């Protein structure tokens, strides 16, 4: 089976044949080395600081959410965020869920839990019988 030679193949061959055989640098090697040294120092010194700040900002998101929602356990969520920093972020999802949880729960008194109506006046009836 005979293959056709396509135009793109011919163009590629033309480009490869007409390329110069000797390459020369337009910038001196000393300037390139100086620029590489500067870039290395930037990467060594700036990148870890930026990464630490981003890591910190991500880990305080649950704390900010808890404060914004006036969560009663906002201090505990803050401590969990700090522990999450130490533990490599393993507690962060728990702190985030805790920050979004509904902190306001209905507290049931003993009388309501055992079926006695809180609207009855049992204490008044007892006081009337003791006085009479």
Protein backbone atom coordinates (compact mmCIF):
# COMPACT_ATOMS: atom_id res chain seq x y z
CA UNK A 1 0.00 0.00 0.00
CA UNK A 2 1.54 3.22 -1.14
CA UNK A 3 1.30 6.29 1.15
CA UNK A 4 0.91 9.82 -0.11
CA UNK A 5 3.38 12.43 0.94
CA UNK A 6 1.37 15.20 2.54
CA UNK A 7 1.99 18.91 2.40
CA UNK A 8 2.69 19.13 6.16
CA UNK A 9 5.41 16.49 5.87
CA UNK A 10 7.04 18.38 3.01
CA UNK A 11 6.86 21.65 4.95
CA UNK A 12 8.46 20.02 8.00
CA UNK A 13 11.27 18.64 5.87
CA UNK A 14 11.83 22.06 4.29
CA UNK A 15 12.03 23.73 7.73
CA UNK A 16 14.51 21.14 9.01
CA UNK A 17 16.75 21.44 5.96
CA UNK A 18 16.84 25.23 5.97
CA UNK A 19 17.59 25.63 9.72
CA UNK A 20 21.03 26.99 10.52
CA UNK A 21 23.50 24.34 11.57
CA UNK A 22 25.27 26.42 14.18
CA UNK A 23 23.33 28.14 16.94
CA UNK A 24 24.55 31.16 18.85
CA UNK A 25 23.27 32.71 22.04
CA UNK A 26 22.05 36.27 21.95
CA UNK A 27 22.61 36.68 25.70
CA UNK A 28 25.96 36.09 27.31
CA UNK A 29 26.30 33.04 29.56
CA UNK A 30 27.27 35.24 32.53
CA UNK A 31 23.95 37.09 32.37
CA UNK A 32 22.05 33.82 32.05
CA UNK A 33 23.83 32.42 35.11
CA UNK A 34 23.18 35.58 37.10
CA UNK A 35 19.47 35.45 36.21
CA UNK A 36 19.35 31.75 37.15
CA UNK A 37 20.94 32.52 40.53
CA UNK A 38 18.37 35.24 41.22
CA UNK A 39 15.50 32.95 40.24
CA UNK A 40 16.85 30.17 42.46
CA UNK A 41 16.99 32.50 45.47
CA UNK A 42 13.47 33.73 44.78
CA UNK A 43 12.18 30.18 44.60
CA UNK A 44 14.05 29.14 47.74
CA UNK A 45 12.98 32.13 49.83
CA UNK A 46 9.64 33.44 48.54
CA UNK A 47 7.76 30.33 47.45
CA UNK A 48 7.75 28.61 50.88
CA UNK A 49 6.52 31.79 52.55
CA UNK A 50 3.71 32.21 50.02
CA UNK A 51 2.79 28.54 50.35
CA UNK A 52 2.66 28.82 54.15
CA UNK A 53 0.41 31.88 53.96
CA UNK A 54 -1.96 30.14 51.54
CA UNK A 55 -1.99 27.02 53.75
CA UNK A 56 -2.80 29.20 56.78
CA UNK A 57 -5.57 31.11 54.97
CA UNK A 58 -7.22 27.86 53.90
CA UNK A 59 -7.07 26.44 57.42
CA UNK A 60 -8.75 29.42 59.09
CA UNK A 61 -11.82 29.29 56.83
CA UNK A 62 -13.88 27.23 59.35
CA UNK A 63 -12.97 29.65 62.14
CA UNK A 64 -14.11 32.65 60.09
CA UNK A 65 -17.36 30.89 59.19
CA UNK A 66 -18.03 30.08 62.85
CA UNK A 67 -17.42 33.69 63.90
CA UNK A 68 -19.63 35.02 61.10
CA UNK A 69 -22.48 32.70 62.11
CA UNK A 70 -22.02 33.48 65.84
CA UNK A 71 -21.41 29.82 66.60
CA UNK A 72 -21.36 29.14 70.37
CA UNK A 73 -18.38 26.79 69.98
CA UNK A 74 -16.32 29.18 67.83
CA UNK A 75 -13.37 28.92 70.22
CA UNK A 76 -13.39 25.14 69.97
CA UNK A 77 -13.53 25.34 66.19
CA UNK A 78 -10.55 27.72 66.35
CA UNK A 79 -8.58 25.18 68.38
CA UNK A 80 -9.52 22.41 65.93
CA UNK A 81 -8.23 24.56 63.08
CA UNK A 82 -4.91 25.00 64.90
CA UNK A 83 -4.70 21.26 65.54
CA UNK A 84 -5.45 20.69 61.88
CA UNK A 85 -2.41 22.79 60.98
CA UNK A 86 -0.24 20.54 63.13
CA UNK A 87 -1.82 17.31 61.87
CA UNK A 88 -1.48 18.17 58.21
CA UNK A 89 -5.09 19.12 57.57
CA UNK A 90 -6.75 15.88 58.67
CA UNK A 91 -9.13 17.67 61.08
CA UNK A 92 -9.99 20.49 58.67
CA UNK A 93 -13.09 18.82 57.12
CA UNK A 94 -14.45 18.09 60.61
CA UNK A 95 -13.93 21.74 61.61
CA UNK A 96 -15.65 22.91 58.43
CA UNK A 97 -18.67 20.68 59.03
CA UNK A 98 -18.78 21.76 62.67
CA UNK A 99 -18.68 25.44 61.65
CA UNK A 100 -21.64 24.93 59.32
CA UNK A 101 -23.64 22.90 61.85
CA UNK A 102 -26.70 24.41 63.49
CA UNK A 103 -25.53 25.44 66.95
CA UNK A 104 -28.94 26.39 68.27
CA UNK A 105 -30.78 23.39 69.67
CA UNK A 106 -33.99 23.29 71.67
CA UNK A 107 -33.35 22.45 75.29
CA UNK A 108 -36.06 20.27 76.79
CA UNK A 109 -36.79 20.52 80.50
CA UNK A 110 -37.41 17.47 82.66
CA UNK A 111 -41.14 18.09 82.85
CA UNK A 112 -41.43 18.34 79.07
CA UNK A 113 -39.32 15.21 78.61
CA UNK A 114 -41.52 13.13 80.92
CA UNK A 115 -44.82 14.32 79.48
CA UNK A 116 -45.90 16.89 82.05
CA UNK A 117 -47.22 20.03 80.47
CA UNK A 118 -45.15 23.07 81.32
CA UNK A 119 -48.25 25.26 81.22
CA UNK A 120 -49.97 23.64 84.25
CA UNK A 121 -49.98 25.36 87.57
CA UNK A 122 -49.08 22.39 89.78
CA UNK A 123 -46.81 24.47 91.98
CA UNK A 124 -49.58 27.02 92.59
CA UNK A 125 -52.02 24.25 93.54
CA UNK A 126 -49.51 22.81 96.01
CA UNK A 127 -48.92 26.24 97.56
CA UNK A 128 -52.68 26.82 97.98
CA UNK A 129 -53.14 23.51 99.78
CA UNK A 130 -50.20 24.15 102.12
CA UNK A 131 -51.49 27.57 103.10
CA UNK A 132 -55.11 26.49 103.78
